[in-house]
Amino acid sequence: MALRHRGYVDLPSHRSAGGFDHAAVHGRTGRVYLAHTANDAVDVIDGRGQRYIASIPDLPGVAGALVDEARELVFTSNRAEDTVGIFAATGAPMVTKVPVGTKPNGLAHDPVRHRLLVAHVGDPAVKDSFTVAIVDIATRERVAEVPVAGRTRWTVFDAAGDCFHVNIADPPQIAVIDARDPGRVARVVPVPSAGPHGLDLDVARRRLYCACDGQQLFEVDADSGEITVAAPLAGVPDVVFFNAASRRLYVAIGDPGVIEVFDTSKLERRDVISTERGAHTLAFDAGSNLVYAFLPATHRAAVYVDSD
């Protein structure tokens, strides 16, 4: 098997509906920062010790987490109050909040300019709410708001291309925003399946991996926008992570509750790992080669190691 199960980490029970959402790993410490949407908090896991540490509260509707490794900061998208949170990955966290647009979700960080792109879910009833925001981390200010064609999903920063790639659910596309001129969409890549959702990048091969609600996975040339390979998925996907060392892609599918593992050299399915129904989100620690699946029914993190 590509992923070998190592154990579980018990997490706080849900206080309301919402379960878990996006998570990120702080590489130096191996700490996992998990958006616990149901609890309006980020749960912190000691990944290497496989134990729950604590929760960071007062993050209403938190939907995503992202780590800036160089400056050791954690960013959160707080969907229920239209803010992003910023706090240190070490020490006692003091959260600073920056107002952004309607229902922030996806996050991507430009480490050179120290800017955060915040992709908003938006609200069809609110005019012009389908946008992404650019936040200057140094000044804690929103410096740009960019209209996009529809509801956003996940987003990644592309250092080699000096741009952000943003999944748009409908119309299905990837919006590309030039990091040097982030006040507009530079180009659009049409996606031939409903609901582009999870997104990650193979930096070396210049390939995006876009997982869609239409149960399709696409490999996309990050520079030309050409779709180079497609593969079917076992269900509706959410989070994806690319492992550059093994050249594998992990795709979380909440129904039936599996992680599909793809060999990206040919975009072929290598393995299917059963998790738990509703487990739609993952985290990946590249330094330790660990994959985490977050199990909403049993309030646990399942921990796997990429074993060969």
C-alpha atoms as a PDB file:
ATOM      1  CA  MET A   1       0.000   0.000   0.000  1.00  0.00           C
ATOM      2  CA  ALA A   2       1.177   3.524  -0.735  1.00  0.00           C
ATOM      3  CA  LEU A   3      -0.087   4.791   2.637  1.00  0.00           C
ATOM      4  CA  ARG A   4       0.508   2.819   5.844  1.00  0.00           C
ATOM      5  CA  HIS A   5      -1.696   3.631   8.840  1.00  0.00           C
ATOM      6  CA  ARG A   6       0.255   4.783  11.926  1.00  0.00           C
ATOM      7  CA  GLY A   7      -2.510   5.636  14.361  1.00  0.00           C
ATOM      8  CA  TYR A   8      -5.086   8.192  15.451  1.00  0.00           C
ATOM      9  CA  VAL A   9      -5.111  11.507  17.301  1.00  0.00           C
ATOM     10  CA  ASP A  10      -8.261  12.248  19.303  1.00  0.00           C
ATOM     11  CA  LEU A  11      -9.650  15.756  18.781  1.00  0.00           C
ATOM     12  CA  PRO A  12     -12.333  17.836  20.527  1.00  0.00           C
ATOM     13  CA  SER A  13     -15.934  16.878  19.816  1.00  0.00           C
ATOM     14  CA  HIS A  14     -17.978  19.124  17.544  1.00  0.00           C
ATOM     15  CA  ARG A  15     -20.025  21.781  19.335  1.00  0.00           C
ATOM     16  CA  SER A  16     -22.198  22.443  16.259  1.00  0.00           C
ATOM     17  CA  ALA A  17     -22.544  21.499  12.588  1.00  0.00           C
ATOM     18  CA  GLY A  18     -19.612  22.014  10.261  1.00  0.00           C
ATOM     19  CA  GLY A  19     -17.008  19.376  11.089  1.00  0.00           C
ATOM     20  CA  PHE A  20     -13.414  19.915   9.955  1.00  0.00           C
ATOM     21  CA  ASP A  21     -12.051  21.811   6.956  1.00  0.00           C
ATOM     22  CA  HIS A  22      -8.647  22.739   5.479  1.00  0.00           C
ATOM     23  CA  ALA A  23      -5.453  22.182   7.469  1.00  0.00           C
ATOM     24  CA  ALA A  24      -1.775  23.088   7.117  1.00  0.00           C
ATOM     25  CA  VAL A  25       1.512  21.849   8.573  1.00  0.00           C
ATOM     26  CA  HIS A  26       4.301  23.937  10.101  1.00  0.00           C
ATOM     27  CA  GLY A  27       7.303  22.144   8.646  1.00  0.00           C
ATOM     28  CA  ARG A  28       9.915  22.925  11.308  1.00  0.00           C
ATOM     29  CA  THR A  29       7.849  21.623  14.227  1.00  0.00           C
ATOM     30  CA  GLY A  30       5.497  19.236  12.448  1.00  0.00           C
ATOM     31  CA  ARG A  31       2.526  20.943  14.074  1.00  0.00           C
ATOM     32  CA  VAL A  32      -0.762  20.614  12.226  1.00  0.00           C
ATOM     33  CA  TYR A  33      -3.206  23.533  12.229  1.00  0.00           C
ATOM     34  CA  LEU A  34      -6.711  22.216  11.505  1.00  0.00           C
ATOM     35  CA  ALA A  35      -9.764  24.359  10.802  1.00  0.00           C
ATOM     36  CA  HIS A  36     -12.386  22.954  13.194  1.00  0.00           C
ATOM     37  CA  THR A  37     -15.330  24.754  11.657  1.00  0.00           C
ATOM     38  CA  ALA A  38     -17.891  23.261  14.035  1.00  0.00           C
ATOM     39  CA  ASN A  39     -16.017  24.772  17.001  1.00  0.00           C
ATOM     40  CA  ASP A  40     -15.016  28.145  15.499  1.00  0.00           C
ATOM     41  CA  ALA A  41     -11.443  27.172  16.339  1.00  0.00           C
ATOM     42  CA  VAL A  42      -8.163  25.865  14.975  1.00  0.00           C
ATOM     43  CA  ASP A  43      -7.066  22.595  16.569  1.00  0.00           C
ATOM     44  CA  VAL A  44      -3.294  22.232  16.983  1.00  0.00           C
ATOM     45  CA  ILE A  45      -1.779  18.747  16.683  1.00  0.00           C
ATOM     46  CA  ASP A  46       1.746  17.657  17.532  1.00  0.00           C
ATOM     47  CA  GLY A  47       2.123  15.526  14.425  1.00  0.00           C
ATOM     48  CA  ARG A  48       5.419  13.934  15.328  1.00  0.00           C
ATOM     49  CA  GLY A  49       4.244  13.059  18.841  1.00  0.00           C
ATOM     50  CA  GLN A  50       0.773  12.170  17.532  1.00  0.00           C
ATOM     51  CA  ARG A  51      -1.151  14.104  20.169  1.00  0.00           C
ATOM     52  CA  TYR A  52      -3.610  16.977  20.396  1.00  0.00           C
ATOM     53  CA  ILE A  53      -2.074  20.112  21.946  1.00  0.00           C
ATOM     54  CA  ALA A  54      -4.750  22.817  22.175  1.00  0.00           C
ATOM     55  CA  SER A  55      -7.309  24.830  20.235  1.00  0.00           C
ATOM     56  CA  ILE A  56      -7.167  28.480  19.200  1.00  0.00           C
ATOM     57  CA  PRO A  57     -10.702  29.885  19.706  1.00  0.00           C
ATOM     58  CA  ASP A  58     -12.751  32.822  18.414  1.00  0.00           C
ATOM     59  CA  LEU A  59     -12.314  32.118  14.696  1.00  0.00           C
ATOM     60  CA  PRO A  60     -15.968  32.109  13.552  1.00  0.00           C
ATOM     61  CA  GLY A  61     -16.690  29.640  10.764  1.00  0.00           C
ATOM     62  CA  VAL A  62     -12.990  28.984  10.190  1.00  0.00           C
ATOM     63  CA  ALA A  63     -12.654  27.252   6.827  1.00  0.00           C
ATOM     64  CA  GLY A  64      -8.962  27.164   6.036  1.00  0.00           C
ATOM     65  CA  ALA A  65      -5.455  27.383   7.432  1.00  0.00           C
ATOM     66  CA  LEU A  66      -2.156  28.156   5.724  1.00  0.00           C
ATOM     67  CA  VAL A  67       1.413  28.390   7.068  1.00  0.00           C
ATOM     68  CA  ASP A  68       4.119  30.880   6.073  1.00  0.00           C
ATOM     69  CA  GLU A  69       7.227  28.807   6.815  1.00  0.00           C
ATOM     70  CA  ALA A  70       9.771  31.631   6.443  1.00  0.00           C
ATOM     71  CA  ARG A  71       8.116  33.975   8.928  1.00  0.00           C
ATOM     72  CA  GLU A  72       6.470  31.223  10.974  1.00  0.00           C
ATOM     73  CA  LEU A  73       2.968  32.634  10.699  1.00  0.00           C
ATOM     74  CA  VAL A  74      -0.400  30.915  10.404  1.00  0.00           C
ATOM     75  CA  PHE A  75      -3.270  32.397   8.391  1.00  0.00           C
ATOM     76  CA  THR A  76      -6.940  31.423   8.763  1.00  0.00           C
ATOM     77  CA  SER A  77     -10.045  32.202   6.700  1.00  0.00           C
ATOM     78  CA  ASN A  78     -12.930  32.967   9.068  1.00  0.00           C
ATOM     79  CA  ARG A  79     -15.965  32.556   6.870  1.00  0.00           C
ATOM     80  CA  ALA A  80     -18.645  33.527   9.412  1.00  0.00           C
ATOM     81  CA  GLU A  81     -17.185  36.977  10.135  1.00  0.00           C
ATOM     82  CA  ASP A  82     -15.487  37.838   6.798  1.00  0.00           C
ATOM     83  CA  THR A  83     -11.983  38.100   8.202  1.00  0.00           C
ATOM     84  CA  VAL A  84      -8.617  36.416   7.979  1.00  0.00           C
ATOM     85  CA  GLY A  85      -6.701  35.632  11.149  1.00  0.00           C
ATOM     86  CA  ILE A  86      -2.918  35.965  11.497  1.00  0.00           C
ATOM     87  CA  PHE A  87      -0.919  34.520  14.395  1.00  0.00           C
ATOM     88  CA  ALA A  88       2.530  33.122  15.194  1.00  0.00           C
ATOM     89  CA  ALA A  89       3.124  29.426  14.702  1.00  0.00           C
ATOM     90  CA  THR A  90       5.233  29.333  17.870  1.00  0.00           C
ATOM     91  CA  GLY A  91       4.598  30.640  21.371  1.00  0.00           C
ATOM     92  CA  ALA A  92       1.262  31.784  22.747  1.00  0.00           C
ATOM     93  CA  PRO A  93      -0.874  32.762  19.741  1.00  0.00           C
ATOM     94  CA  MET A  94      -2.212  36.306  19.625  1.00  0.00           C
ATOM     95  CA  VAL A  95      -4.609  36.530  16.694  1.00  0.00           C
ATOM     96  CA  THR A  96      -4.800  39.647  14.532  1.00  0.00           C
ATOM     97  CA  LYS A  97      -7.809  39.880  12.218  1.00  0.00           C
ATOM     98  CA  VAL A  98      -8.088  41.675   8.878  1.00  0.00           C
ATOM     99  CA  PRO A  99     -11.499  42.344   7.267  1.00  0.00           C
ATOM    100  CA  VAL A 100     -11.852  40.876   3.775  1.00  0.00           C
ATOM    101  CA  GLY A 101     -14.747  40.010   1.434  1.00  0.00           C
ATOM    102  CA  THR A 102     -17.803  37.769   1.671  1.00  0.00           C
ATOM    103  CA  LYS A 103     -17.151  34.304   3.152  1.00  0.00           C
ATOM    104  CA  PRO A 104     -13.381  33.863   2.827  1.00  0.00           C
ATOM    105  CA  ASN A 105     -12.225  30.329   2.072  1.00  0.00           C
ATOM    106  CA  GLY A 106      -9.099  29.521   0.039  1.00  0.00           C
ATOM    107  CA  LEU A 107      -5.716  31.006   0.966  1.00  0.00           C
ATOM    108  CA  ALA A 108      -2.407  31.359  -0.888  1.00  0.00           C
ATOM    109  CA  HIS A 109       0.733  33.252   0.150  1.00  0.00           C
ATOM    110  CA  ASP A 110       3.282  35.149  -1.943  1.00  0.00           C
ATOM    111  CA  PRO A 111       6.409  34.932   0.286  1.00  0.00           C
ATOM    112  CA  VAL A 112       8.442  37.453  -1.726  1.00  0.00           C
ATOM    113  CA  ARG A 113       5.963  40.335  -1.452  1.00  0.00           C
ATOM    114  CA  HIS A 114       4.483  38.948   1.791  1.00  0.00           C
ATOM    115  CA  ARG A 115       0.965  39.110   0.444  1.00  0.00           C
ATOM    116  CA  LEU A 116      -1.949  36.787   1.120  1.00  0.00           C
ATOM    117  CA  LEU A 117      -4.556  36.002  -1.512  1.00  0.00           C
ATOM    118  CA  VAL A 118      -7.965  35.311   0.035  1.00  0.00           C
ATOM    119  CA  ALA A 119     -10.535  33.587  -2.182  1.00  0.00           C
ATOM    120  CA  HIS A 120     -14.150  34.289  -1.228  1.00  0.00           C
ATOM    121  CA  VAL A 121     -17.091  31.920  -1.560  1.00  0.00           C
ATOM    122  CA  GLY A 122     -19.316  34.974  -1.996  1.00  0.00           C
ATOM    123  CA  ASP A 123     -23.107  35.084  -1.830  1.00  0.00           C
ATOM    124  CA  PRO A 124     -25.367  35.033  -4.920  1.00  0.00           C
ATOM    125  CA  ALA A 125     -27.704  37.434  -3.103  1.00  0.00           C
ATOM    126  CA  VAL A 126     -24.899  39.978  -2.577  1.00  0.00           C
ATOM    127  CA  LYS A 127     -23.937  41.921  -5.691  1.00  0.00           C
ATOM    128  CA  ASP A 128     -20.274  41.707  -6.745  1.00  0.00           C
ATOM    129  CA  SER A 129     -19.356  39.372  -3.869  1.00  0.00           C
ATOM    130  CA  PHE A 130     -17.515  36.817  -6.026  1.00  0.00           C
ATOM    131  CA  THR A 131     -14.010  38.196  -5.525  1.00  0.00           C
ATOM    132  CA  VAL A 132     -10.529  37.513  -4.238  1.00  0.00           C
ATOM    133  CA  ALA A 133      -8.725  39.906  -1.908  1.00  0.00           C
ATOM    134  CA  ILE A 134      -5.026  40.696  -1.582  1.00  0.00           C
ATOM    135  CA  VAL A 135      -3.829  41.371   1.974  1.00  0.00           C
ATOM    136  CA  ASP A 136      -0.486  43.002   2.766  1.00  0.00           C
ATOM    137  CA  ILE A 137       0.701  40.980   5.758  1.00  0.00           C
ATOM    138  CA  ALA A 138       3.209  43.591   6.978  1.00  0.00           C
ATOM    139  CA  THR A 139       0.611  46.356   7.238  1.00  0.00           C
ATOM    140  CA  ARG A 140      -2.356  44.041   7.975  1.00  0.00           C
ATOM    141  CA  GLU A 141      -4.357  45.799   5.259  1.00  0.00           C
ATOM    142  CA  ARG A 142      -6.424  44.680   2.291  1.00  0.00           C
ATOM    143  CA  VAL A 143      -4.768  46.313  -0.716  1.00  0.00           C
ATOM    144  CA  ALA A 144      -6.825  44.938  -3.615  1.00  0.00           C
ATOM    145  CA  GLU A 145     -10.164  43.288  -4.400  1.00  0.00           C
ATOM    146  CA  VAL A 146     -10.435  41.399  -7.701  1.00  0.00           C
ATOM    147  CA  PRO A 147     -13.779  40.368  -9.267  1.00  0.00           C
ATOM    148  CA  VAL A 148     -13.940  36.760 -10.506  1.00  0.00           C
ATOM    149  CA  ALA A 149     -16.566  34.903 -12.511  1.00  0.00           C
ATOM    150  CA  GLY A 150     -18.115  32.864  -9.689  1.00  0.00           C
ATOM    151  CA  ARG A 151     -17.707  31.080  -6.382  1.00  0.00           C
ATOM    152  CA  THR A 152     -14.079  30.326  -5.576  1.00  0.00           C
ATOM    153  CA  ARG A 153     -12.664  27.092  -4.201  1.00  0.00           C
ATOM    154  CA  TRP A 154      -8.995  26.448  -3.356  1.00  0.00           C
ATOM    155  CA  THR A 155      -5.993  28.426  -4.577  1.00  0.00           C
ATOM    156  CA  VAL A 156      -2.201  28.042  -4.793  1.00  0.00           C
ATOM    157  CA  PHE A 157       0.732  30.404  -5.266  1.00  0.00           C
ATOM    158  CA  ASP A 158       3.108  29.565  -8.125  1.00  0.00           C
ATOM    159  CA  ALA A 159       6.574  30.998  -7.392  1.00  0.00           C
ATOM    160  CA  ALA A 160       8.059  30.058 -10.780  1.00  0.00           C
ATOM    161  CA  GLY A 161       5.128  31.582 -12.657  1.00  0.00           C
ATOM    162  CA  ASP A 162       4.891  34.478 -10.176  1.00  0.00           C
ATOM    163  CA  CYS A 163       1.139  34.109 -10.048  1.00  0.00           C
ATOM    164  CA  PHE A 164      -1.825  32.743  -8.116  1.00  0.00           C
ATOM    165  CA  HIS A 165      -4.067  29.995  -9.516  1.00  0.00           C
ATOM    166  CA  VAL A 166      -7.652  30.119  -8.198  1.00  0.00           C
ATOM    167  CA  ASN A 167     -10.294  27.436  -8.768  1.00  0.00           C
ATOM    168  CA  ILE A 168     -13.727  28.809  -9.737  1.00  0.00           C
ATOM    169  CA  ALA A 169     -16.667  26.423  -9.260  1.00  0.00           C
ATOM    170  CA  ASP A 170     -19.086  27.901 -11.815  1.00  0.00           C
ATOM    171  CA  PRO A 171     -18.298  28.647 -14.572  1.00  0.00           C
ATOM    172  CA  PRO A 172     -15.687  25.884 -14.158  1.00  0.00           C
ATOM    173  CA  GLN A 173     -12.289  27.496 -14.632  1.00  0.00           C
ATOM    174  CA  ILE A 174      -8.967  28.379 -13.087  1.00  0.00           C
ATOM    175  CA  ALA A 175      -8.409  32.128 -12.771  1.00  0.00           C
ATOM    176  CA  VAL A 176      -4.755  33.193 -12.964  1.00  0.00           C
ATOM    177  CA  ILE A 177      -3.724  36.376 -11.140  1.00  0.00           C
ATOM    178  CA  ASP A 178      -0.303  37.903 -11.818  1.00  0.00           C
ATOM    179  CA  ALA A 179       1.412  38.458  -8.448  1.00  0.00           C
ATOM    180  CA  ARG A 180       3.188  41.542  -9.858  1.00  0.00           C
ATOM    181  CA  ASP A 181      -0.148  43.105 -10.817  1.00  0.00           C
ATOM    182  CA  PRO A 182      -2.729  41.469  -8.534  1.00  0.00           C
ATOM    183  CA  GLY A 183      -5.550  43.907  -9.206  1.00  0.00           C
ATOM    184  CA  ARG A 184      -7.000  41.883 -12.087  1.00  0.00           C
ATOM    185  CA  VAL A 185      -7.387  38.400 -13.536  1.00  0.00           C
ATOM    186  CA  ALA A 186      -4.588  37.969 -16.075  1.00  0.00           C
ATOM    187  CA  ARG A 187      -6.098  34.936 -17.854  1.00  0.00           C
ATOM    188  CA  VAL A 188      -8.608  32.142 -17.429  1.00  0.00           C
ATOM    189  CA  VAL A 189      -8.189  28.395 -17.981  1.00  0.00           C
ATOM    190  CA  PRO A 190     -11.502  26.631 -18.820  1.00  0.00           C
ATOM    191  CA  VAL A 191     -11.977  23.302 -17.014  1.00  0.00           C
ATOM    192  CA  PRO A 192     -14.161  20.661 -18.761  1.00  0.00           C
ATOM    193  CA  SER A 193     -15.919  19.352 -15.647  1.00  0.00           C
ATOM    194  CA  ALA A 194     -18.299  20.734 -13.050  1.00  0.00           C
ATOM    195  CA  GLY A 195     -16.966  22.356  -9.902  1.00  0.00           C
ATOM    196  CA  PRO A 196     -13.171  22.675  -9.805  1.00  0.00           C
ATOM    197  CA  HIS A 197     -12.425  22.157  -6.112  1.00  0.00           C
ATOM    198  CA  GLY A 198      -9.078  20.839  -4.777  1.00  0.00           C
ATOM    199  CA  LEU A 199      -5.910  22.274  -6.318  1.00  0.00           C
ATOM    200  CA  ASP A 200      -2.167  21.726  -5.953  1.00  0.00           C
ATOM    201  CA  LEU A 201       1.003  22.283  -7.970  1.00  0.00           C
ATOM    202  CA  ASP A 202       3.983  20.186  -9.078  1.00  0.00           C
ATOM    203  CA  VAL A 203       6.575  22.967  -9.199  1.00  0.00           C
ATOM    204  CA  ALA A 204       9.269  20.950 -11.003  1.00  0.00           C
ATOM    205  CA  ARG A 205       7.069  19.665 -13.834  1.00  0.00           C
ATOM    206  CA  ARG A 206       4.930  22.840 -14.014  1.00  0.00           C
ATOM    207  CA  ARG A 207       1.707  20.886 -13.578  1.00  0.00           C
ATOM    208  CA  LEU A 208      -1.461  21.814 -11.704  1.00  0.00           C
ATOM    209  CA  TYR A 209      -3.712  19.077 -10.320  1.00  0.00           C
ATOM    210  CA  CYS A 210      -7.360  20.122 -10.308  1.00  0.00           C
ATOM    211  CA  ALA A 211      -9.979  17.819  -8.733  1.00  0.00           C
ATOM    212  CA  CYS A 212     -13.576  18.547  -9.735  1.00  0.00           C
ATOM    213  CA  ASP A 213     -17.041  17.888  -8.305  1.00  0.00           C
ATOM    214  CA  GLY A 214     -17.798  16.167 -11.616  1.00  0.00           C
ATOM    215  CA  GLN A 215     -15.575  13.324 -10.332  1.00  0.00           C
ATOM    216  CA  GLN A 216     -12.716  14.137 -12.671  1.00  0.00           C
ATOM    217  CA  LEU A 217      -9.064  14.857 -11.957  1.00  0.00           C
ATOM    218  CA  PHE A 218      -7.093  16.961 -14.440  1.00  0.00           C
ATOM    219  CA  GLU A 219      -3.401  17.582 -14.946  1.00  0.00           C
ATOM    220  CA  VAL A 220      -3.018  21.093 -16.349  1.00  0.00           C
ATOM    221  CA  ASP A 221       0.085  22.748 -17.786  1.00  0.00           C
ATOM    222  CA  ALA A 222       0.604  25.647 -15.361  1.00  0.00           C
ATOM    223  CA  ASP A 223       2.037  27.908 -18.067  1.00  0.00           C
ATOM    224  CA  SER A 224      -0.098  27.227 -21.141  1.00  0.00           C
ATOM    225  CA  GLY A 225      -3.331  26.105 -19.456  1.00  0.00           C
ATOM    226  CA  GLU A 226      -3.437  22.992 -21.634  1.00  0.00           C
ATOM    227  CA  ILE A 227      -5.101  19.965 -20.030  1.00  0.00           C
ATOM    228  CA  THR A 228      -2.560  17.196 -20.517  1.00  0.00           C
ATOM    229  CA  VAL A 229      -4.144  14.186 -18.740  1.00  0.00           C
ATOM    230  CA  ALA A 230      -7.489  13.345 -17.101  1.00  0.00           C
ATOM    231  CA  ALA A 231      -8.525  10.556 -14.725  1.00  0.00           C
ATOM    232  CA  PRO A 232     -11.841   9.550 -13.106  1.00  0.00           C
ATOM    233  CA  LEU A 233     -12.380   9.845  -9.358  1.00  0.00           C
ATOM    234  CA  ALA A 234     -14.381   7.590  -7.033  1.00  0.00           C
ATOM    235  CA  GLY A 235     -16.598  10.430  -5.816  1.00  0.00           C
ATOM    236  CA  VAL A 236     -16.813  14.180  -5.277  1.00  0.00           C
ATOM    237  CA  PRO A 237     -13.361  15.390  -4.138  1.00  0.00           C
ATOM    238  CA  ASP A 238     -12.296  18.173  -1.846  1.00  0.00           C
ATOM    239  CA  VAL A 239      -8.708  18.652  -0.628  1.00  0.00           C
ATOM    240  CA  VAL A 240      -5.715  17.463  -2.682  1.00  0.00           C
ATOM    241  CA  PHE A 241      -2.005  17.463  -1.832  1.00  0.00           C
ATOM    242  CA  PHE A 242       0.980  16.711  -4.045  1.00  0.00           C
ATOM    243  CA  ASN A 243       3.992  14.836  -2.642  1.00  0.00           C
ATOM    244  CA  ALA A 244       6.998  16.010  -4.675  1.00  0.00           C
ATOM    245  CA  ALA A 245       9.339  13.337  -3.263  1.00  0.00           C
ATOM    246  CA  SER A 246       7.197  10.348  -4.262  1.00  0.00           C
ATOM    247  CA  ARG A 247       5.381  12.145  -7.108  1.00  0.00           C
ATOM    248  CA  ARG A 248       2.057  11.077  -5.668  1.00  0.00           C
ATOM    249  CA  LEU A 249      -1.171  13.008  -5.353  1.00  0.00           C
ATOM    250  CA  TYR A 250      -3.550  12.445  -2.439  1.00  0.00           C
ATOM    251  CA  VAL A 251      -7.244  13.181  -3.076  1.00  0.00           C
ATOM    252  CA  ALA A 252      -9.752  13.280  -0.197  1.00  0.00           C
ATOM    253  CA  ILE A 253     -13.273  12.098  -1.041  1.00  0.00           C
ATOM    254  CA  GLY A 254     -15.890  12.402   1.697  1.00  0.00           C
ATOM    255  CA  ASP A 255     -18.400  10.003   0.170  1.00  0.00           C
ATOM    256  CA  PRO A 256     -17.704   7.100   0.497  1.00  0.00           C
ATOM    257  CA  GLY A 257     -14.791   8.261   2.681  1.00  0.00           C
ATOM    258  CA  VAL A 258     -11.488   7.449   0.985  1.00  0.00           C
ATOM    259  CA  ILE A 259      -8.113   8.837   0.027  1.00  0.00           C
ATOM    260  CA  GLU A 260      -7.294   8.112  -3.603  1.00  0.00           C
ATOM    261  CA  VAL A 261      -3.546   7.998  -4.260  1.00  0.00           C
ATOM    262  CA  PHE A 262      -2.359   8.759  -7.799  1.00  0.00           C
ATOM    263  CA  ASP A 263       1.025   8.179  -9.405  1.00  0.00           C
ATOM    264  CA  THR A 264       1.437  11.497 -11.216  1.00  0.00           C
ATOM    265  CA  SER A 265       3.999  10.220 -13.729  1.00  0.00           C
ATOM    266  CA  LYS A 266       1.019   8.814 -15.653  1.00  0.00           C
ATOM    267  CA  LEU A 267      -1.852  10.085 -13.483  1.00  0.00           C
ATOM    268  CA  GLU A 268      -2.806   6.530 -12.623  1.00  0.00           C
ATOM    269  CA  ARG A 269      -4.552   5.430  -9.441  1.00  0.00           C
ATOM    270  CA  ARG A 270      -2.062   3.675  -7.180  1.00  0.00           C
ATOM    271  CA  ASP A 271      -4.186   3.009  -4.104  1.00  0.00           C
ATOM    272  CA  VAL A 272      -7.505   3.674  -2.364  1.00  0.00           C
ATOM    273  CA  ILE A 273      -7.422   4.051   1.430  1.00  0.00           C
ATOM    274  CA  SER A 274     -10.676   3.839   3.420  1.00  0.00           C
ATOM    275  CA  THR A 275     -11.055   6.625   5.989  1.00  0.00           C
ATOM    276  CA  GLU A 276     -14.550   7.526   7.235  1.00  0.00           C
ATOM    277  CA  ARG A 277     -17.701   8.847   5.586  1.00  0.00           C
ATOM    278  CA  GLY A 278     -17.515  12.634   5.547  1.00  0.00           C
ATOM    279  CA  ALA A 279     -13.698  12.753   5.763  1.00  0.00           C
ATOM    280  CA  HIS A 280     -13.205  15.270   2.960  1.00  0.00           C
ATOM    281  CA  THR A 281     -10.060  17.048   4.102  1.00  0.00           C
ATOM    282  CA  LEU A 282      -6.348  16.226   4.479  1.00  0.00           C
ATOM    283  CA  ALA A 283      -3.011  17.632   5.563  1.00  0.00           C
ATOM    284  CA  PHE A 284       0.456  16.662   4.328  1.00  0.00           C
ATOM    285  CA  ASP A 285       3.778  16.974   6.175  1.00  0.00           C
ATOM    286  CA  ALA A 286       6.454  16.786   3.459  1.00  0.00           C
ATOM    287  CA  GLY A 287       9.317  16.668   5.976  1.00  0.00           C
ATOM    288  CA  SER A 288       8.025  13.545   7.702  1.00  0.00           C
ATOM    289  CA  ASN A 289       6.117  12.106   4.725  1.00  0.00           C
ATOM    290  CA  LEU A 290       2.940  11.988   6.811  1.00  0.00           C
ATOM    291  CA  VAL A 291      -0.630  12.303   5.569  1.00  0.00           C
ATOM    292  CA  TYR A 292      -3.489  13.232   7.911  1.00  0.00           C
ATOM    293  CA  ALA A 293      -7.168  12.536   7.243  1.00  0.00           C
ATOM    294  CA  PHE A 294      -9.691  14.268   9.498  1.00  0.00           C
ATOM    295  CA  LEU A 295     -12.611  12.089  10.577  1.00  0.00           C
ATOM    296  CA  PRO A 296     -15.738  14.074  11.503  1.00  0.00           C
ATOM    297  CA  ALA A 297     -17.888  11.254  12.900  1.00  0.00           C
ATOM    298  CA  THR A 298     -15.295  10.042  15.424  1.00  0.00           C
ATOM    299  CA  HIS A 299     -13.511  13.392  16.017  1.00  0.00           C
ATOM    300  CA  ARG A 300     -10.063  12.058  15.163  1.00  0.00           C
ATOM    301  CA  ALA A 301      -7.155  12.537  12.840  1.00  0.00           C
ATOM    302  CA  ALA A 302      -6.001   9.362  11.094  1.00  0.00           C
ATOM    303  CA  VAL A 303      -2.250   9.429  10.490  1.00  0.00           C
ATOM    304  CA  TYR A 304      -0.555   7.655   7.547  1.00  0.00           C
ATOM    305  CA  VAL A 305       3.004   7.462   6.298  1.00  0.00           C
ATOM    306  CA  ASP A 306       3.844   7.252   2.584  1.00  0.00           C
ATOM    307  CA  SER A 307       5.692   3.981   2.865  1.00  0.00           C
ATOM    308  CA  ASP A 308       7.434   3.282  -0.447  1.00  0.00           C
END
